[in-house]
Every structure is written in C-alpha cells, then in structure tokens.
Amino acid sequence: MRSQTDQILRGILTDVLGLTPTQVDAFDADTGLFGHLPELDSMAVAGLLTEIEDRLDIVIDDDEVDGELLETYGNLLSFAEAKRETA
C-alpha cells in the first residue's frame, strides 16, 4: 500500500503536469522525471515545487533543488517523505 505522501505526490504530478492518473499510477522508483517527461520542463519545475510545498506543508529551500532531486520519481518521493518527517 502506498504512503500518504506517495498518494499526494502522485496527485500533484497529475494536476500540475496534466498527466493521466493511469500514467502516474504506473510510476515506480526508477521512473525518470526531468528530462524524461516532456511535460516537466524548466518552467513546470517551479509550479511543481510550489504545489508540493503547499500540499505537503513543507518548505523546499533553493539549495535543496538539484538535478538529482527530479531525476526519478523515487528520488522525489524520498525527498518529500524526509521533509515531512522533519516538518
């Protein structure tokens, strides 16, 4: 069963990037994000991070955002879960 953070994050990706729920449901830890999803371009990153902050009630500092963070779904989920634990 998926964690609450996982479920919320999938909803954010569906809403912000306009992906289908079926497409996002198929994401696993190794699914590539930035550079792999045409919908997730540099313009979409800011909106995505803002929505993650709002819905997960976390703060993402600029120095925490790098290519590795958005490389895979697993990286993004691990980051979000860790931020929620310390929020």
PDB file of N, CA and C in Angstrom:
ATOM      1  N   MET A   1       0.839  -1.184   0.000  1.00  0.00           N
ATOM      2  CA  MET A   1       0.000   0.000   0.000  1.00  0.00           C
ATOM      3  C   MET A   1       0.891   1.257   0.000  1.00  0.00           C
ATOM      4  N   ARG A   2       0.455   2.246  -0.724  1.00  0.00           N
ATOM      5  CA  ARG A   2       1.241   3.475  -0.856  1.00  0.00           C
ATOM      6  C   ARG A   2       1.067   4.369   0.363  1.00  0.00           C
ATOM      7  N   SER A   3       2.135   5.084   0.686  1.00  0.00           N
ATOM      8  CA  SER A   3       2.081   6.028   1.798  1.00  0.00           C
ATOM      9  C   SER A   3       1.208   7.225   1.412  1.00  0.00           C
ATOM     10  N   GLN A   4       0.803   7.967   2.427  1.00  0.00           N
ATOM     11  CA  GLN A   4       0.014   9.168   2.177  1.00  0.00           C
ATOM     12  C   GLN A   4       0.806  10.154   1.324  1.00  0.00           C
ATOM     13  N   THR A   5       2.090  10.302   1.617  1.00  0.00           N
ATOM     14  CA  THR A   5       2.936  11.213   0.836  1.00  0.00           C
ATOM     15  C   THR A   5       2.988  10.779  -0.618  1.00  0.00           C
ATOM     16  N   ASP A   6       3.121   9.481  -0.854  1.00  0.00           N
ATOM     17  CA  ASP A   6       3.157   8.940  -2.214  1.00  0.00           C
ATOM     18  C   ASP A   6       1.860   9.274  -2.938  1.00  0.00           C
ATOM     19  N   GLN A   7       0.735   9.056  -2.297  1.00  0.00           N
ATOM     20  CA  GLN A   7      -0.556   9.333  -2.922  1.00  0.00           C
ATOM     21  C   GLN A   7      -0.716  10.814  -3.251  1.00  0.00           C
ATOM     22  N   ILE A   8      -0.316  11.677  -2.317  1.00  0.00           N
ATOM     23  CA  ILE A   8      -0.423  13.122  -2.545  1.00  0.00           C
ATOM     24  C   ILE A   8       0.504  13.547  -3.679  1.00  0.00           C
ATOM     25  N   LEU A   9       1.726  13.027  -3.673  1.00  0.00           N
ATOM     26  CA  LEU A   9       2.694  13.391  -4.709  1.00  0.00           C
ATOM     27  C   LEU A   9       2.206  12.964  -6.092  1.00  0.00           C
ATOM     28  N   ARG A  10       1.631  11.804  -6.190  1.00  0.00           N
ATOM     29  CA  ARG A  10       1.074  11.361  -7.475  1.00  0.00           C
ATOM     30  C   ARG A  10      -0.053  12.290  -7.933  1.00  0.00           C
ATOM     31  N   GLY A  11      -0.874  12.737  -6.989  1.00  0.00           N
ATOM     32  CA  GLY A  11      -1.948  13.679  -7.321  1.00  0.00           C
ATOM     33  C   GLY A  11      -1.401  15.005  -7.820  1.00  0.00           C
ATOM     34  N   ILE A  12      -0.318  15.457  -7.192  1.00  0.00           N
ATOM     35  CA  ILE A  12       0.313  16.712  -7.610  1.00  0.00           C
ATOM     36  C   ILE A  12       0.839  16.590  -9.041  1.00  0.00           C
ATOM     37  N   LEU A  13       1.521  15.488  -9.331  1.00  0.00           N
ATOM     38  CA  LEU A  13       2.057  15.291 -10.684  1.00  0.00           C
ATOM     39  C   LEU A  13       0.934  15.237 -11.713  1.00  0.00           C
ATOM     40  N   THR A  14      -0.167  14.602 -11.353  1.00  0.00           N
ATOM     41  CA  THR A  14      -1.320  14.524 -12.255  1.00  0.00           C
ATOM     42  C   THR A  14      -1.881  15.924 -12.514  1.00  0.00           C
ATOM     43  N   ASP A  15      -2.081  16.688 -11.437  1.00  0.00           N
ATOM     44  CA  ASP A  15      -2.703  18.008 -11.552  1.00  0.00           C
ATOM     45  C   ASP A  15      -1.799  19.044 -12.217  1.00  0.00           C
ATOM     46  N   VAL A  16      -0.553  19.126 -11.766  1.00  0.00           N
ATOM     47  CA  VAL A  16       0.343  20.184 -12.241  1.00  0.00           C
ATOM     48  C   VAL A  16       0.829  19.926 -13.662  1.00  0.00           C
ATOM     49  N   LEU A  17       1.144  18.675 -13.963  1.00  0.00           N
ATOM     50  CA  LEU A  17       1.710  18.370 -15.281  1.00  0.00           C
ATOM     51  C   LEU A  17       0.662  17.941 -16.299  1.00  0.00           C
ATOM     52  N   GLY A  18      -0.570  17.748 -15.854  1.00  0.00           N
ATOM     53  CA  GLY A  18      -1.626  17.340 -16.771  1.00  0.00           C
ATOM     54  C   GLY A  18      -1.473  15.908 -17.250  1.00  0.00           C
ATOM     55  N   LEU A  19      -0.826  15.080 -16.435  1.00  0.00           N
ATOM     56  CA  LEU A  19      -0.675  13.665 -16.773  1.00  0.00           C
ATOM     57  C   LEU A  19      -1.940  12.918 -16.387  1.00  0.00           C
ATOM     58  N   THR A  20      -2.148  11.770 -16.987  1.00  0.00           N
ATOM     59  CA  THR A  20      -3.322  10.984 -16.631  1.00  0.00           C
ATOM     60  C   THR A  20      -3.040  10.211 -15.345  1.00  0.00           C
ATOM     61  N   PRO A  21      -4.085   9.976 -14.543  1.00  0.00           N
ATOM     62  CA  PRO A  21      -3.892   9.183 -13.328  1.00  0.00           C
ATOM     63  C   PRO A  21      -3.297   7.803 -13.628  1.00  0.00           C
ATOM     64  N   THR A  22      -3.676   7.207 -14.747  1.00  0.00           N
ATOM     65  CA  THR A  22      -3.142   5.893 -15.128  1.00  0.00           C
ATOM     66  C   THR A  22      -1.642   5.975 -15.378  1.00  0.00           C
ATOM     67  N   GLN A  23      -1.217   7.021 -16.055  1.00  0.00           N
ATOM     68  CA  GLN A  23       0.204   7.224 -16.341  1.00  0.00           C
ATOM     69  C   GLN A  23       0.992   7.380 -15.036  1.00  0.00           C
ATOM     70  N   VAL A  24       0.507   8.226 -14.139  1.00  0.00           N
ATOM     71  CA  VAL A  24       1.204   8.479 -12.882  1.00  0.00           C
ATOM     72  C   VAL A  24       1.155   7.261 -11.971  1.00  0.00           C
ATOM     73  N   ASP A  25       0.063   6.526 -12.019  1.00  0.00           N
ATOM     74  CA  ASP A  25      -0.073   5.313 -11.190  1.00  0.00           C
ATOM     75  C   ASP A  25       0.990   4.279 -11.548  1.00  0.00           C
ATOM     76  N   ALA A  26       1.449   4.306 -12.781  1.00  0.00           N
ATOM     77  CA  ALA A  26       2.450   3.337 -13.243  1.00  0.00           C
ATOM     78  C   ALA A  26       3.877   3.721 -12.844  1.00  0.00           C
ATOM     79  N   PHE A  27       4.062   4.920 -12.299  1.00  0.00           N
ATOM     80  CA  PHE A  27       5.409   5.359 -11.896  1.00  0.00           C
ATOM     81  C   PHE A  27       5.943   4.453 -10.797  1.00  0.00           C
ATOM     82  N   ASP A  28       7.213   4.078 -10.919  1.00  0.00           N
ATOM     83  CA  ASP A  28       7.890   3.387  -9.824  1.00  0.00           C
ATOM     84  C   ASP A  28       9.113   4.216  -9.447  1.00  0.00           C
ATOM     85  N   ALA A  29       9.904   3.713  -8.526  1.00  0.00           N
ATOM     86  CA  ALA A  29      11.044   4.482  -8.007  1.00  0.00           C
ATOM     87  C   ALA A  29      12.024   4.878  -9.102  1.00  0.00           C
ATOM     88  N   ASP A  30      12.116   4.097 -10.158  1.00  0.00           N
ATOM     89  CA  ASP A  30      13.092   4.353 -11.221  1.00  0.00           C
ATOM     90  C   ASP A  30      12.534   5.158 -12.396  1.00  0.00           C
ATOM     91  N   THR A  31      11.269   5.537 -12.331  1.00  0.00           N
ATOM     92  CA  THR A  31      10.673   6.302 -13.426  1.00  0.00           C
ATOM     93  C   THR A  31      11.354   7.666 -13.535  1.00  0.00           C
ATOM     94  N   GLY A  32      11.863   7.964 -14.707  1.00  0.00           N
ATOM     95  CA  GLY A  32      12.521   9.241 -14.936  1.00  0.00           C
ATOM     96  C   GLY A  32      11.528  10.383 -14.981  1.00  0.00           C
ATOM     97  N   LEU A  33      11.916  11.513 -14.413  1.00  0.00           N
ATOM     98  CA  LEU A  33      11.051  12.690 -14.424  1.00  0.00           C
ATOM     99  C   LEU A  33      11.648  13.769 -15.314  1.00  0.00           C
ATOM    100  N   PHE A  34      12.449  14.670 -14.750  1.00  0.00           N
ATOM    101  CA  PHE A  34      13.001  15.780 -15.527  1.00  0.00           C
ATOM    102  C   PHE A  34      13.925  15.228 -16.614  1.00  0.00           C
ATOM    103  N   GLY A  35      13.638  15.622 -17.849  1.00  0.00           N
ATOM    104  CA  GLY A  35      14.410  15.104 -18.973  1.00  0.00           C
ATOM    105  C   GLY A  35      13.780  13.878 -19.604  1.00  0.00           C
ATOM    106  N   HIS A  36      12.798  13.301 -18.913  1.00  0.00           N
ATOM    107  CA  HIS A  36      12.106  12.118 -19.428  1.00  0.00           C
ATOM    108  C   HIS A  36      10.644  12.413 -19.735  1.00  0.00           C
ATOM    109  N   LEU A  37      10.057  13.320 -18.980  1.00  0.00           N
ATOM    110  CA  LEU A  37       8.666  13.715 -19.215  1.00  0.00           C
ATOM    111  C   LEU A  37       8.654  15.066 -19.916  1.00  0.00           C
ATOM    112  N   PRO A  38       8.143  15.133 -21.141  1.00  0.00           N
ATOM    113  CA  PRO A  38       8.113  16.423 -21.834  1.00  0.00           C
ATOM    114  C   PRO A  38       7.313  17.480 -21.067  1.00  0.00           C
ATOM    115  N   GLU A  39       6.339  17.038 -20.271  1.00  0.00           N
ATOM    116  CA  GLU A  39       5.509  17.974 -19.508  1.00  0.00           C
ATOM    117  C   GLU A  39       6.298  18.659 -18.385  1.00  0.00           C
ATOM    118  N   LEU A  40       7.364  18.000 -17.923  1.00  0.00           N
ATOM    119  CA  LEU A  40       8.162  18.560 -16.822  1.00  0.00           C
ATOM    120  C   LEU A  40       9.388  19.263 -17.394  1.00  0.00           C
ATOM    121  N   ASP A  41       9.146  20.492 -17.841  1.00  0.00           N
ATOM    122  CA  ASP A  41      10.252  21.305 -18.348  1.00  0.00           C
ATOM    123  C   ASP A  41      10.661  22.298 -17.266  1.00  0.00           C
ATOM    124  N   SER A  42      11.621  23.129 -17.568  1.00  0.00           N
ATOM    125  CA  SER A  42      12.136  24.061 -16.557  1.00  0.00           C
ATOM    126  C   SER A  42      11.055  25.020 -16.055  1.00  0.00           C
ATOM    127  N   MET A  43      10.097  25.357 -16.894  1.00  0.00           N
ATOM    128  CA  MET A  43       9.013  26.243 -16.476  1.00  0.00           C
ATOM    129  C   MET A  43       8.069  25.528 -15.504  1.00  0.00           C
ATOM    130  N   ALA A  44       7.867  24.243 -15.692  1.00  0.00           N
ATOM    131  CA  ALA A  44       6.941  23.484 -14.849  1.00  0.00           C
ATOM    132  C   ALA A  44       7.538  23.157 -13.478  1.00  0.00           C
ATOM    133  N   VAL A  45       8.861  23.160 -13.374  1.00  0.00           N
ATOM    134  CA  VAL A  45       9.512  22.778 -12.116  1.00  0.00           C
ATOM    135  C   VAL A  45       9.079  23.694 -10.972  1.00  0.00           C
ATOM    136  N   ALA A  46       9.075  24.998 -11.195  1.00  0.00           N
ATOM    137  CA  ALA A  46       8.707  25.943 -10.133  1.00  0.00           C
ATOM    138  C   ALA A  46       7.279  25.701  -9.649  1.00  0.00           C
ATOM    139  N   GLY A  47       6.369  25.517 -10.587  1.00  0.00           N
ATOM    140  CA  GLY A  47       4.981  25.244 -10.217  1.00  0.00           C
ATOM    141  C   GLY A  47       4.832  23.936  -9.466  1.00  0.00           C
ATOM    142  N   LEU A  48       5.581  22.937  -9.894  1.00  0.00           N
ATOM    143  CA  LEU A  48       5.535  21.632  -9.243  1.00  0.00           C
ATOM    144  C   LEU A  48       6.044  21.737  -7.803  1.00  0.00           C
ATOM    145  N   LEU A  49       7.178  22.402  -7.622  1.00  0.00           N
ATOM    146  CA  LEU A  49       7.749  22.526  -6.278  1.00  0.00           C
ATOM    147  C   LEU A  49       6.852  23.345  -5.358  1.00  0.00           C
ATOM    148  N   THR A  50       6.244  24.393  -5.888  1.00  0.00           N
ATOM    149  CA  THR A  50       5.328  25.216  -5.095  1.00  0.00           C
ATOM    150  C   THR A  50       4.129  24.394  -4.641  1.00  0.00           C
ATOM    151  N   GLU A  51       3.591  23.605  -5.547  1.00  0.00           N
ATOM    152  CA  GLU A  51       2.428  22.770  -5.209  1.00  0.00           C
ATOM    153  C   GLU A  51       2.803  21.702  -4.181  1.00  0.00           C
ATOM    154  N   ILE A  52       4.001  21.131  -4.308  1.00  0.00           N
ATOM    155  CA  ILE A  52       4.475  20.149  -3.329  1.00  0.00           C
ATOM    156  C   ILE A  52       4.565  20.806  -1.954  1.00  0.00           C
ATOM    157  N   GLU A  53       5.121  22.003  -1.900  1.00  0.00           N
ATOM    158  CA  GLU A  53       5.214  22.723  -0.626  1.00  0.00           C
ATOM    159  C   GLU A  53       3.832  22.942  -0.021  1.00  0.00           C
ATOM    160  N   ASP A  54       2.895  23.398  -0.846  1.00  0.00           N
ATOM    161  CA  ASP A  54       1.549  23.708  -0.363  1.00  0.00           C
ATOM    162  C   ASP A  54       0.813  22.468   0.136  1.00  0.00           C
ATOM    163  N   ARG A  55       0.799  21.432  -0.656  1.00  0.00           N
ATOM    164  CA  ARG A  55       0.001  20.249  -0.310  1.00  0.00           C
ATOM    165  C   ARG A  55       0.628  19.381   0.776  1.00  0.00           C
ATOM    166  N   LEU A  56       1.954  19.393   0.864  1.00  0.00           N
ATOM    167  CA  LEU A  56       2.621  18.567   1.875  1.00  0.00           C
ATOM    168  C   LEU A  56       3.026  19.391   3.100  1.00  0.00           C
ATOM    169  N   ASP A  57       2.745  20.694   3.059  1.00  0.00           N
ATOM    170  CA  ASP A  57       3.060  21.592   4.167  1.00  0.00           C
ATOM    171  C   ASP A  57       4.531  21.502   4.557  1.00  0.00           C
ATOM    172  N   ILE A  58       5.379  21.646   3.539  1.00  0.00           N
ATOM    173  CA  ILE A  58       6.835  21.631   3.753  1.00  0.00           C
ATOM    174  C   ILE A  58       7.436  22.871   3.094  1.00  0.00           C
ATOM    175  N   VAL A  59       8.689  23.143   3.401  1.00  0.00           N
ATOM    176  CA  VAL A  59       9.421  24.229   2.752  1.00  0.00           C
ATOM    177  C   VAL A  59      10.609  23.605   2.037  1.00  0.00           C
ATOM    178  N   ILE A  60      10.733  23.921   0.759  1.00  0.00           N
ATOM    179  CA  ILE A  60      11.858  23.422  -0.039  1.00  0.00           C
ATOM    180  C   ILE A  60      12.795  24.594  -0.286  1.00  0.00           C
ATOM    181  N   ASP A  61      13.979  24.502   0.270  1.00  0.00           N
ATOM    182  CA  ASP A  61      14.967  25.561   0.092  1.00  0.00           C
ATOM    183  C   ASP A  61      15.600  25.448  -1.294  1.00  0.00           C
ATOM    184  N   ASP A  62      15.976  26.605  -1.859  1.00  0.00           N
ATOM    185  CA  ASP A  62      16.574  26.629  -3.192  1.00  0.00           C
ATOM    186  C   ASP A  62      17.786  25.717  -3.304  1.00  0.00           C
ATOM    187  N   ASP A  63      18.589  25.658  -2.242  1.00  0.00           N
ATOM    188  CA  ASP A  63      19.809  24.841  -2.304  1.00  0.00           C
ATOM    189  C   ASP A  63      19.527  23.337  -2.234  1.00  0.00           C
ATOM    190  N   GLU A  64      18.268  22.970  -2.001  1.00  0.00           N
ATOM    191  CA  GLU A  64      17.897  21.553  -1.989  1.00  0.00           C
ATOM    192  C   GLU A  64      17.477  21.057  -3.374  1.00  0.00           C
ATOM    193  N   VAL A  65      17.246  21.977  -4.271  1.00  0.00           N
ATOM    194  CA  VAL A  65      16.765  21.622  -5.607  1.00  0.00           C
ATOM    195  C   VAL A  65      17.958  21.453  -6.543  1.00  0.00           C
ATOM    196  N   ASP A  66      18.131  20.236  -7.021  1.00  0.00           N
ATOM    197  CA  ASP A  66      19.191  19.954  -7.990  1.00  0.00           C
ATOM    198  C   ASP A  66      18.681  18.918  -8.982  1.00  0.00           C
ATOM    199  N   GLY A  67      19.508  18.583  -9.928  1.00  0.00           N
ATOM    200  CA  GLY A  67      19.107  17.631 -10.961  1.00  0.00           C
ATOM    201  C   GLY A  67      18.756  16.263 -10.402  1.00  0.00           C
ATOM    202  N   GLU A  68      19.425  15.878  -9.347  1.00  0.00           N
ATOM    203  CA  GLU A  68      19.174  14.564  -8.762  1.00  0.00           C
ATOM    204  C   GLU A  68      17.783  14.477  -8.143  1.00  0.00           C
ATOM    205  N   LEU A  69      17.318  15.566  -7.541  1.00  0.00           N
ATOM    206  CA  LEU A  69      16.008  15.590  -6.897  1.00  0.00           C
ATOM    207  C   LEU A  69      14.905  15.194  -7.870  1.00  0.00           C
ATOM    208  N   LEU A  70      14.963  15.730  -9.079  1.00  0.00           N
ATOM    209  CA  LEU A  70      13.910  15.497 -10.066  1.00  0.00           C
ATOM    210  C   LEU A  70      14.295  14.446 -11.105  1.00  0.00           C
ATOM    211  N   GLU A  71      15.365  13.715 -10.829  1.00  0.00           N
ATOM    212  CA  GLU A  71      15.820  12.707 -11.794  1.00  0.00           C
ATOM    213  C   GLU A  71      14.844  11.549 -11.900  1.00  0.00           C
ATOM    214  N   THR A  72      14.388  11.051 -10.742  1.00  0.00           N
ATOM    215  CA  THR A  72      13.448   9.927 -10.746  1.00  0.00           C
ATOM    216  C   THR A  72      12.318  10.185  -9.760  1.00  0.00           C
ATOM    217  N   TYR A  73      11.229   9.438  -9.949  1.00  0.00           N
ATOM    218  CA  TYR A  73      10.114   9.545  -9.012  1.00  0.00           C
ATOM    219  C   TYR A  73      10.550   9.115  -7.609  1.00  0.00           C
ATOM    220  N   GLY A  74      11.371   8.093  -7.528  1.00  0.00           N
ATOM    221  CA  GLY A  74      11.845   7.612  -6.233  1.00  0.00           C
ATOM    222  C   GLY A  74      12.631   8.674  -5.479  1.00  0.00           C
ATOM    223  N   ASN A  75      13.480   9.410  -6.184  1.00  0.00           N
ATOM    224  CA  ASN A  75      14.240  10.494  -5.544  1.00  0.00           C
ATOM    225  C   ASN A  75      13.306  11.568  -4.994  1.00  0.00           C
ATOM    226  N   LEU A  76      12.323  11.950  -5.794  1.00  0.00           N
ATOM    227  CA  LEU A  76      11.392  12.997  -5.381  1.00  0.00           C
ATOM    228  C   LEU A  76      10.559  12.533  -4.186  1.00  0.00           C
ATOM    229  N   LEU A  77      10.094  11.297  -4.228  1.00  0.00           N
ATOM    230  CA  LEU A  77       9.296  10.759  -3.128  1.00  0.00           C
ATOM    231  C   LEU A  77      10.120  10.666  -1.847  1.00  0.00           C
ATOM    232  N   SER A  78      11.330  10.168  -1.939  1.00  0.00           N
ATOM    233  CA  SER A  78      12.191  10.061  -0.754  1.00  0.00           C
ATOM    234  C   SER A  78      12.438  11.429  -0.135  1.00  0.00           C
ATOM    235  N   PHE A  79      12.686  12.414  -0.990  1.00  0.00           N
ATOM    236  CA  PHE A  79      12.903  13.780  -0.521  1.00  0.00           C
ATOM    237  C   PHE A  79      11.658  14.297   0.203  1.00  0.00           C
ATOM    238  N   ALA A  80      10.488  14.126  -0.427  1.00  0.00           N
ATOM    239  CA  ALA A  80       9.236  14.633   0.160  1.00  0.00           C
ATOM    240  C   ALA A  80       8.937  13.953   1.488  1.00  0.00           C
ATOM    241  N   GLU A  81       9.167  12.645   1.562  1.00  0.00           N
ATOM    242  CA  GLU A  81       8.906  11.925   2.812  1.00  0.00           C
ATOM    243  C   GLU A  81       9.842  12.392   3.911  1.00  0.00           C
ATOM    244  N   ALA A  82      11.108  12.610   3.585  1.00  0.00           N
ATOM    245  CA  ALA A  82      12.085  13.080   4.572  1.00  0.00           C
ATOM    246  C   ALA A  82      11.726  14.486   5.060  1.00  0.00           C
ATOM    247  N   LYS A  83      11.277  15.344   4.149  1.00  0.00           N
ATOM    248  CA  LYS A  83      10.901  16.708   4.537  1.00  0.00           C
ATOM    249  C   LYS A  83       9.680  16.694   5.444  1.00  0.00           C
ATOM    250  N   ARG A  84       8.736  15.810   5.183  1.00  0.00           N
ATOM    251  CA  ARG A  84       7.528  15.742   6.013  1.00  0.00           C
ATOM    252  C   ARG A  84       7.873  15.253   7.417  1.00  0.00           C
ATOM    253  N   GLU A  85       8.846  14.375   7.531  1.00  0.00           N
ATOM    254  CA  GLU A  85       9.228  13.851   8.844  1.00  0.00           C
ATOM    255  C   GLU A  85       9.864  14.928   9.712  1.00  0.00           C
ATOM    256  N   THR A  86      10.527  15.896   9.072  1.00  0.00           N
ATOM    257  CA  THR A  86      11.215  16.935   9.834  1.00  0.00           C
ATOM    258  C   THR A  86      10.413  18.226   9.906  1.00  0.00           C
ATOM    259  N   ALA A  87       9.256  18.255   9.240  1.00  0.00           N
ATOM    260  CA  ALA A  87       8.442  19.490   9.217  1.00  0.00           C
ATOM    261  C   ALA A  87       7.752  19.714  10.557  1.00  0.00           C
TER     262      ALA A  87
END
